[in-house]
């Protein structure tokens, strides 16, 4: 049975705090202690606070090897990103850390390509198909909806019915492009992906963006132009590549 993991609402401010703390604390125990102190006033229950810290650390600190180098660059650049860029960075890192979150957002995005509204009961049914008909899935689906609603990505127009908010995102920064590509390559378990998929993925439904080949990190990626499409291939010698 597939792991769920995403078990409670995570506020955008918590993610922002985590990113900023990482600029000053590299030791894992120090980070836990600092986050515990920061969240003490807003999350009173010790168990809930520890769960939140675990999720924040998995998102920003204890990242998988394939994105460690990107994450280090993100920590350094984070203060210089605008509000939408920061939201995009958090969205991507959570998507990588929690496949459940990513798959739910993908299904929500697919629904919103066909209609202006998405129903939570429809999404829950799909997530149960993927992860099993169990209470844990219901909790996780609600936690994802609560989180992205607090982030301003979805707005609930009536009980169980959501619309999206769209954010204009200029993806000219090679680091942000690399992060987007990392999400997609991890999702599809591949080292190459078409430009069409990159610019039209339902995973990134909250963001209005367009990736241009000319802005890409030419050391990290190789561009292969074919008659039908343009293929972006990850350089296997770069640390963030799959083995």
C-alpha atoms as a PDB file:
ATOM      1  CA  UNK A   1       0.000   0.000   0.000  1.00  0.00           C
ATOM      2  CA  UNK A   2       1.383   3.411  -0.987  1.00  0.00           C
ATOM      3  CA  UNK A   3       2.519   5.726   1.799  1.00  0.00           C
ATOM      4  CA  UNK A   4       0.467   8.862   2.447  1.00  0.00           C
ATOM      5  CA  UNK A   5       2.552  11.024   4.794  1.00  0.00           C
ATOM      6  CA  UNK A   6       0.783  14.362   4.352  1.00  0.00           C
ATOM      7  CA  UNK A   7      -1.338  14.298   7.492  1.00  0.00           C
ATOM      8  CA  UNK A   8      -2.001  17.898   8.536  1.00  0.00           C
ATOM      9  CA  UNK A   9      -2.384  21.443   7.266  1.00  0.00           C
ATOM     10  CA  UNK A  10       0.865  23.301   6.671  1.00  0.00           C
ATOM     11  CA  UNK A  11       0.741  27.082   6.562  1.00  0.00           C
ATOM     12  CA  UNK A  12       2.759  29.089   4.074  1.00  0.00           C
ATOM     13  CA  UNK A  13       4.285  31.094   6.926  1.00  0.00           C
ATOM     14  CA  UNK A  14       5.721  27.883   8.413  1.00  0.00           C
ATOM     15  CA  UNK A  15       7.427  27.062   5.130  1.00  0.00           C
ATOM     16  CA  UNK A  16       8.760  30.596   4.876  1.00  0.00           C
ATOM     17  CA  UNK A  17      10.156  30.372   8.409  1.00  0.00           C
ATOM     18  CA  UNK A  18      11.857  27.065   7.587  1.00  0.00           C
ATOM     19  CA  UNK A  19      13.526  28.453   4.463  1.00  0.00           C
ATOM     20  CA  UNK A  20      14.821  31.476   6.356  1.00  0.00           C
ATOM     21  CA  UNK A  21      16.089  29.433   9.311  1.00  0.00           C
ATOM     22  CA  UNK A  22      18.078  27.179   7.000  1.00  0.00           C
ATOM     23  CA  UNK A  23      20.212  30.170   6.063  1.00  0.00           C
ATOM     24  CA  UNK A  24      21.482  30.257   9.664  1.00  0.00           C
ATOM     25  CA  UNK A  25      21.224  26.682  10.979  1.00  0.00           C
ATOM     26  CA  UNK A  26      22.670  23.675   9.195  1.00  0.00           C
ATOM     27  CA  UNK A  27      22.563  21.211  12.087  1.00  0.00           C
ATOM     28  CA  UNK A  28      19.422  19.073  12.123  1.00  0.00           C
ATOM     29  CA  UNK A  29      18.933  19.279  15.907  1.00  0.00           C
ATOM     30  CA  UNK A  30      19.314  23.059  15.837  1.00  0.00           C
ATOM     31  CA  UNK A  31      16.689  23.303  13.101  1.00  0.00           C
ATOM     32  CA  UNK A  32      14.231  21.157  15.055  1.00  0.00           C
ATOM     33  CA  UNK A  33      14.761  23.275  18.170  1.00  0.00           C
ATOM     34  CA  UNK A  34      14.363  26.555  16.290  1.00  0.00           C
ATOM     35  CA  UNK A  35      11.215  25.402  14.506  1.00  0.00           C
ATOM     36  CA  UNK A  36       9.750  24.121  17.759  1.00  0.00           C
ATOM     37  CA  UNK A  37      10.278  27.554  19.320  1.00  0.00           C
ATOM     38  CA  UNK A  38       8.834  29.339  16.277  1.00  0.00           C
ATOM     39  CA  UNK A  39       5.694  27.181  16.113  1.00  0.00           C
ATOM     40  CA  UNK A  40       5.027  26.978  19.845  1.00  0.00           C
ATOM     41  CA  UNK A  41       2.587  29.908  19.873  1.00  0.00           C
ATOM     42  CA  UNK A  42       0.586  28.788  16.823  1.00  0.00           C
ATOM     43  CA  UNK A  43       0.530  24.985  17.278  1.00  0.00           C
ATOM     44  CA  UNK A  44      -0.183  24.279  20.939  1.00  0.00           C
ATOM     45  CA  UNK A  45      -0.394  20.488  20.809  1.00  0.00           C
ATOM     46  CA  UNK A  46       3.031  18.869  21.108  1.00  0.00           C
ATOM     47  CA  UNK A  47       2.186  15.964  18.784  1.00  0.00           C
ATOM     48  CA  UNK A  48       0.718  18.240  16.114  1.00  0.00           C
ATOM     49  CA  UNK A  49       3.720  20.558  16.385  1.00  0.00           C
ATOM     50  CA  UNK A  50       6.168  17.674  16.030  1.00  0.00           C
ATOM     51  CA  UNK A  51       4.255  16.373  13.009  1.00  0.00           C
ATOM     52  CA  UNK A  52       4.367  19.814  11.416  1.00  0.00           C
ATOM     53  CA  UNK A  53       8.108  20.122  12.057  1.00  0.00           C
ATOM     54  CA  UNK A  54       8.672  16.685  10.521  1.00  0.00           C
ATOM     55  CA  UNK A  55       6.803  17.773   7.389  1.00  0.00           C
ATOM     56  CA  UNK A  56       8.670  21.082   7.182  1.00  0.00           C
ATOM     57  CA  UNK A  57      12.038  19.378   7.595  1.00  0.00           C
ATOM     58  CA  UNK A  58      11.218  16.773   4.960  1.00  0.00           C
ATOM     59  CA  UNK A  59      10.190  19.545   2.572  1.00  0.00           C
ATOM     60  CA  UNK A  60      13.120  21.929   3.013  1.00  0.00           C
ATOM     61  CA  UNK A  61      15.913  20.199   4.944  1.00  0.00           C
ATOM     62  CA  UNK A  62      15.907  16.419   4.576  1.00  0.00           C
ATOM     63  CA  UNK A  63      15.439  16.475   0.813  1.00  0.00           C
ATOM     64  CA  UNK A  64      16.190  13.548  -1.436  1.00  0.00           C
ATOM     65  CA  UNK A  65      19.672  13.421  -3.020  1.00  0.00           C
ATOM     66  CA  UNK A  66      18.419  14.277  -6.503  1.00  0.00           C
ATOM     67  CA  UNK A  67      17.615  17.866  -5.458  1.00  0.00           C
ATOM     68  CA  UNK A  68      20.144  18.581  -2.713  1.00  0.00           C
ATOM     69  CA  UNK A  69      22.235  20.846  -4.913  1.00  0.00           C
ATOM     70  CA  UNK A  70      19.154  22.747  -6.114  1.00  0.00           C
ATOM     71  CA  UNK A  71      17.899  23.091  -2.535  1.00  0.00           C
ATOM     72  CA  UNK A  72      21.187  24.599  -1.397  1.00  0.00           C
ATOM     73  CA  UNK A  73      20.959  27.207  -4.141  1.00  0.00           C
ATOM     74  CA  UNK A  74      17.330  27.908  -3.256  1.00  0.00           C
ATOM     75  CA  UNK A  75      18.237  28.588   0.378  1.00  0.00           C
ATOM     76  CA  UNK A  76      20.837  31.130  -0.736  1.00  0.00           C
ATOM     77  CA  UNK A  77      18.540  32.812  -3.272  1.00  0.00           C
ATOM     78  CA  UNK A  78      15.306  32.622  -1.269  1.00  0.00           C
ATOM     79  CA  UNK A  79      15.361  36.175   0.205  1.00  0.00           C
ATOM     80  CA  UNK A  80      15.600  37.629  -3.292  1.00  0.00           C
ATOM     81  CA  UNK A  81      12.552  35.879  -4.732  1.00  0.00           C
ATOM     82  CA  UNK A  82       9.254  37.765  -4.940  1.00  0.00           C
ATOM     83  CA  UNK A  83       6.088  36.538  -3.218  1.00  0.00           C
ATOM     84  CA  UNK A  84       4.858  34.434  -6.142  1.00  0.00           C
ATOM     85  CA  UNK A  85       8.292  32.913  -6.706  1.00  0.00           C
ATOM     86  CA  UNK A  86       8.517  31.925  -3.035  1.00  0.00           C
ATOM     87  CA  UNK A  87       5.077  30.323  -3.223  1.00  0.00           C
ATOM     88  CA  UNK A  88       6.175  28.431  -6.330  1.00  0.00           C
ATOM     89  CA  UNK A  89       9.337  27.193  -4.594  1.00  0.00           C
ATOM     90  CA  UNK A  90       7.359  25.901  -1.597  1.00  0.00           C
ATOM     91  CA  UNK A  91       4.805  24.287  -3.905  1.00  0.00           C
ATOM     92  CA  UNK A  92       7.542  22.469  -5.817  1.00  0.00           C
ATOM     93  CA  UNK A  93       9.437  21.292  -2.749  1.00  0.00           C
ATOM     94  CA  UNK A  94       6.263  19.973  -1.103  1.00  0.00           C
ATOM     95  CA  UNK A  95       5.407  18.235  -4.380  1.00  0.00           C
ATOM     96  CA  UNK A  96       8.780  16.504  -4.360  1.00  0.00           C
ATOM     97  CA  UNK A  97       8.699  15.614  -0.662  1.00  0.00           C
ATOM     98  CA  UNK A  98       5.135  14.303  -0.737  1.00  0.00           C
ATOM     99  CA  UNK A  99       3.984  12.364  -3.821  1.00  0.00           C
ATOM    100  CA  UNK A 100       0.495  12.337  -2.282  1.00  0.00           C
ATOM    101  CA  UNK A 101       0.369  16.129  -2.448  1.00  0.00           C
ATOM    102  CA  UNK A 102       1.697  16.088  -6.016  1.00  0.00           C
ATOM    103  CA  UNK A 103      -0.796  13.488  -7.213  1.00  0.00           C
ATOM    104  CA  UNK A 104      -3.717  15.296  -5.615  1.00  0.00           C
ATOM    105  CA  UNK A 105      -2.671  18.576  -7.228  1.00  0.00           C
ATOM    106  CA  UNK A 106      -2.263  16.830 -10.583  1.00  0.00           C
ATOM    107  CA  UNK A 107      -5.813  15.475 -10.392  1.00  0.00           C
ATOM    108  CA  UNK A 108      -7.174  18.849  -9.258  1.00  0.00           C
ATOM    109  CA  UNK A 109      -5.334  20.491 -12.161  1.00  0.00           C
ATOM    110  CA  UNK A 110      -6.767  18.026 -14.674  1.00  0.00           C
ATOM    111  CA  UNK A 111     -10.277  18.757 -13.412  1.00  0.00           C
ATOM    112  CA  UNK A 112      -9.726  22.506 -13.604  1.00  0.00           C
ATOM    113  CA  UNK A 113      -8.601  22.210 -17.225  1.00  0.00           C
ATOM    114  CA  UNK A 114     -12.090  20.924 -18.022  1.00  0.00           C
ATOM    115  CA  UNK A 115     -14.186  23.055 -15.648  1.00  0.00           C
ATOM    116  CA  UNK A 116     -13.989  26.162 -13.482  1.00  0.00           C
ATOM    117  CA  UNK A 117     -14.715  24.215 -10.293  1.00  0.00           C
ATOM    118  CA  UNK A 118     -13.457  21.061  -8.634  1.00  0.00           C
ATOM    119  CA  UNK A 119     -15.340  19.022  -6.035  1.00  0.00           C
ATOM    120  CA  UNK A 120     -13.541  17.653  -2.991  1.00  0.00           C
ATOM    121  CA  UNK A 121     -15.620  14.460  -3.040  1.00  0.00           C
ATOM    122  CA  UNK A 122     -14.449  13.750  -6.615  1.00  0.00           C
ATOM    123  CA  UNK A 123     -10.829  14.283  -5.606  1.00  0.00           C
ATOM    124  CA  UNK A 124     -11.205  12.116  -2.494  1.00  0.00           C
ATOM    125  CA  UNK A 125     -12.647   9.304  -4.609  1.00  0.00           C
ATOM    126  CA  UNK A 126      -9.640   9.453  -6.932  1.00  0.00           C
ATOM    127  CA  UNK A 127      -7.148   9.518  -4.060  1.00  0.00           C
ATOM    128  CA  UNK A 128      -8.839   6.477  -2.511  1.00  0.00           C
ATOM    129  CA  UNK A 129      -8.473   4.706  -5.849  1.00  0.00           C
ATOM    130  CA  UNK A 130      -4.742   5.459  -5.739  1.00  0.00           C
ATOM    131  CA  UNK A 131      -4.020   4.990  -2.029  1.00  0.00           C
ATOM    132  CA  UNK A 132      -6.787   2.788  -0.712  1.00  0.00           C
ATOM    133  CA  UNK A 133     -10.133   3.368   0.977  1.00  0.00           C
ATOM    134  CA  UNK A 134      -8.894   4.243   4.462  1.00  0.00           C
ATOM    135  CA  UNK A 135      -9.270   7.006   7.003  1.00  0.00           C
ATOM    136  CA  UNK A 136      -5.662   8.139   6.485  1.00  0.00           C
ATOM    137  CA  UNK A 137      -6.466   9.047   2.883  1.00  0.00           C
ATOM    138  CA  UNK A 138      -9.464  11.126   3.944  1.00  0.00           C
ATOM    139  CA  UNK A 139      -7.306  13.019   6.458  1.00  0.00           C
ATOM    140  CA  UNK A 140      -4.539  13.616   3.921  1.00  0.00           C
ATOM    141  CA  UNK A 141      -6.902  14.822   1.199  1.00  0.00           C
ATOM    142  CA  UNK A 142      -8.454  17.298   3.628  1.00  0.00           C
ATOM    143  CA  UNK A 143      -5.002  18.420   4.803  1.00  0.00           C
ATOM    144  CA  UNK A 144      -3.867  19.110   1.243  1.00  0.00           C
ATOM    145  CA  UNK A 145      -7.017  21.096   0.483  1.00  0.00           C
ATOM    146  CA  UNK A 146      -6.667  23.058   3.740  1.00  0.00           C
ATOM    147  CA  UNK A 147      -3.018  23.820   3.004  1.00  0.00           C
ATOM    148  CA  UNK A 148      -3.426  25.078  -0.566  1.00  0.00           C
ATOM    149  CA  UNK A 149      -6.498  27.037   0.457  1.00  0.00           C
ATOM    150  CA  UNK A 150      -4.422  28.816   3.119  1.00  0.00           C
ATOM    151  CA  UNK A 151      -1.688  29.426   0.527  1.00  0.00           C
ATOM    152  CA  UNK A 152      -4.260  31.164  -1.671  1.00  0.00           C
ATOM    153  CA  UNK A 153      -3.958  28.601  -4.457  1.00  0.00           C
ATOM    154  CA  UNK A 154      -7.571  27.413  -4.164  1.00  0.00           C
ATOM    155  CA  UNK A 155     -10.589  29.260  -2.854  1.00  0.00           C
ATOM    156  CA  UNK A 156     -13.667  27.478  -1.530  1.00  0.00           C
ATOM    157  CA  UNK A 157     -16.763  29.036  -3.109  1.00  0.00           C
ATOM    158  CA  UNK A 158     -19.098  26.740  -1.164  1.00  0.00           C
ATOM    159  CA  UNK A 159     -18.707  23.661   0.972  1.00  0.00           C
ATOM    160  CA  UNK A 160     -16.631  21.089  -0.905  1.00  0.00           C
ATOM    161  CA  UNK A 161     -16.335  23.186  -4.081  1.00  0.00           C
ATOM    162  CA  UNK A 162     -13.132  24.978  -5.069  1.00  0.00           C
ATOM    163  CA  UNK A 163     -11.952  27.437  -7.698  1.00  0.00           C
ATOM    164  CA  UNK A 164      -8.341  28.255  -8.481  1.00  0.00           C
ATOM    165  CA  UNK A 165      -6.441  31.484  -8.091  1.00  0.00           C
ATOM    166  CA  UNK A 166      -3.939  32.023 -10.892  1.00  0.00           C
ATOM    167  CA  UNK A 167      -0.499  33.522 -10.267  1.00  0.00           C
ATOM    168  CA  UNK A 168       1.562  35.179 -12.983  1.00  0.00           C
ATOM    169  CA  UNK A 169       5.038  33.647 -12.803  1.00  0.00           C
ATOM    170  CA  UNK A 170       8.007  34.790 -14.852  1.00  0.00           C
ATOM    171  CA  UNK A 171      10.187  31.702 -15.095  1.00  0.00           C
ATOM    172  CA  UNK A 172      13.323  33.370 -16.403  1.00  0.00           C
ATOM    173  CA  UNK A 173      15.473  32.358 -13.420  1.00  0.00           C
ATOM    174  CA  UNK A 174      17.349  29.148 -14.376  1.00  0.00           C
ATOM    175  CA  UNK A 175      17.106  27.884 -10.792  1.00  0.00           C
ATOM    176  CA  UNK A 176      13.309  28.075 -10.788  1.00  0.00           C
ATOM    177  CA  UNK A 177      13.185  26.362 -14.167  1.00  0.00           C
ATOM    178  CA  UNK A 178      15.449  23.621 -12.825  1.00  0.00           C
ATOM    179  CA  UNK A 179      13.132  23.152  -9.859  1.00  0.00           C
ATOM    180  CA  UNK A 180      10.061  22.845 -12.079  1.00  0.00           C
ATOM    181  CA  UNK A 181      11.848  20.301 -14.246  1.00  0.00           C
ATOM    182  CA  UNK A 182      12.945  18.378 -11.145  1.00  0.00           C
ATOM    183  CA  UNK A 183       9.313  18.010 -10.058  1.00  0.00           C
ATOM    184  CA  UNK A 184       8.263  16.674 -13.449  1.00  0.00           C
ATOM    185  CA  UNK A 185      11.245  14.359 -13.904  1.00  0.00           C
ATOM    186  CA  UNK A 186      10.752  12.912 -10.432  1.00  0.00           C
ATOM    187  CA  UNK A 187       7.033  12.507 -11.085  1.00  0.00           C
ATOM    188  CA  UNK A 188       7.575  10.694 -14.382  1.00  0.00           C
ATOM    189  CA  UNK A 189      10.778   8.962 -13.184  1.00  0.00           C
ATOM    190  CA  UNK A 190      12.780  10.138 -16.182  1.00  0.00           C
ATOM    191  CA  UNK A 191      15.819  12.182 -17.172  1.00  0.00           C
ATOM    192  CA  UNK A 192      14.190  13.701 -20.246  1.00  0.00           C
ATOM    193  CA  UNK A 193      10.916  15.441 -20.893  1.00  0.00           C
ATOM    194  CA  UNK A 194       9.267  17.352 -23.725  1.00  0.00           C
ATOM    195  CA  UNK A 195       8.901  21.111 -23.677  1.00  0.00           C
ATOM    196  CA  UNK A 196       5.183  20.675 -24.372  1.00  0.00           C
ATOM    197  CA  UNK A 197       4.737  18.684 -21.157  1.00  0.00           C
ATOM    198  CA  UNK A 198       6.809  21.239 -19.241  1.00  0.00           C
ATOM    199  CA  UNK A 199       4.624  24.135 -20.342  1.00  0.00           C
ATOM    200  CA  UNK A 200       1.280  22.357 -20.004  1.00  0.00           C
ATOM    201  CA  UNK A 201       1.535  20.140 -16.925  1.00  0.00           C
ATOM    202  CA  UNK A 202      -1.636  20.024 -14.833  1.00  0.00           C
ATOM    203  CA  UNK A 203       0.539  19.768 -11.712  1.00  0.00           C
ATOM    204  CA  UNK A 204       1.347  23.462 -12.040  1.00  0.00           C
ATOM    205  CA  UNK A 205      -2.223  24.653 -12.617  1.00  0.00           C
ATOM    206  CA  UNK A 206      -1.931  27.551 -10.096  1.00  0.00           C
ATOM    207  CA  UNK A 207       0.832  29.240 -12.105  1.00  0.00           C
ATOM    208  CA  UNK A 208       0.667  31.060 -15.422  1.00  0.00           C
ATOM    209  CA  UNK A 209       4.162  30.576 -16.815  1.00  0.00           C
ATOM    210  CA  UNK A 210       6.110  29.791 -19.955  1.00  0.00           C
ATOM    211  CA  UNK A 211       9.501  28.096 -19.994  1.00  0.00           C
ATOM    212  CA  UNK A 212      11.832  29.301 -22.708  1.00  0.00           C
ATOM    213  CA  UNK A 213      14.770  27.201 -23.832  1.00  0.00           C
ATOM    214  CA  UNK A 214      17.045  30.220 -23.959  1.00  0.00           C
ATOM    215  CA  UNK A 215      16.691  30.819 -20.217  1.00  0.00           C
ATOM    216  CA  UNK A 216      17.686  27.309 -19.190  1.00  0.00           C
ATOM    217  CA  UNK A 217      20.820  26.218 -17.396  1.00  0.00           C
ATOM    218  CA  UNK A 218      22.824  24.897 -20.351  1.00  0.00           C
ATOM    219  CA  UNK A 219      25.185  22.963 -18.063  1.00  0.00           C
ATOM    220  CA  UNK A 220      22.348  21.150 -16.312  1.00  0.00           C
ATOM    221  CA  UNK A 221      20.249  20.396 -19.386  1.00  0.00           C
ATOM    222  CA  UNK A 222      20.764  19.417 -23.006  1.00  0.00           C
ATOM    223  CA  UNK A 223      18.217  20.600 -25.556  1.00  0.00           C
ATOM    224  CA  UNK A 224      17.303  18.163 -28.321  1.00  0.00           C
ATOM    225  CA  UNK A 225      15.104  19.550 -31.103  1.00  0.00           C
ATOM    226  CA  UNK A 226      13.027  17.110 -33.118  1.00  0.00           C
ATOM    227  CA  UNK A 227      10.460  17.549 -35.857  1.00  0.00           C
ATOM    228  CA  UNK A 228       7.567  17.137 -33.432  1.00  0.00           C
ATOM    229  CA  UNK A 229       8.852  18.662 -30.216  1.00  0.00           C
ATOM    230  CA  UNK A 230      11.781  19.913 -28.176  1.00  0.00           C
ATOM    231  CA  UNK A 231      13.206  17.481 -25.626  1.00  0.00           C
ATOM    232  CA  UNK A 232      14.941  18.610 -22.441  1.00  0.00           C
ATOM    233  CA  UNK A 233      17.449  16.077 -21.143  1.00  0.00           C
ATOM    234  CA  UNK A 234      19.144  16.252 -17.785  1.00  0.00           C
ATOM    235  CA  UNK A 235      22.942  16.121 -17.768  1.00  0.00           C
ATOM    236  CA  UNK A 236      23.880  12.908 -15.869  1.00  0.00           C
ATOM    237  CA  UNK A 237      27.093  14.490 -14.587  1.00  0.00           C
ATOM    238  CA  UNK A 238      25.236  17.195 -12.646  1.00  0.00           C
ATOM    239  CA  UNK A 239      24.638  16.248  -8.961  1.00  0.00           C
ATOM    240  CA  UNK A 240      20.854  16.524  -9.182  1.00  0.00           C
ATOM    241  CA  UNK A 241      20.614  13.907 -11.942  1.00  0.00           C
ATOM    242  CA  UNK A 242      19.359  10.374 -11.462  1.00  0.00           C
ATOM    243  CA  UNK A 243      21.962   7.637 -11.410  1.00  0.00           C
END
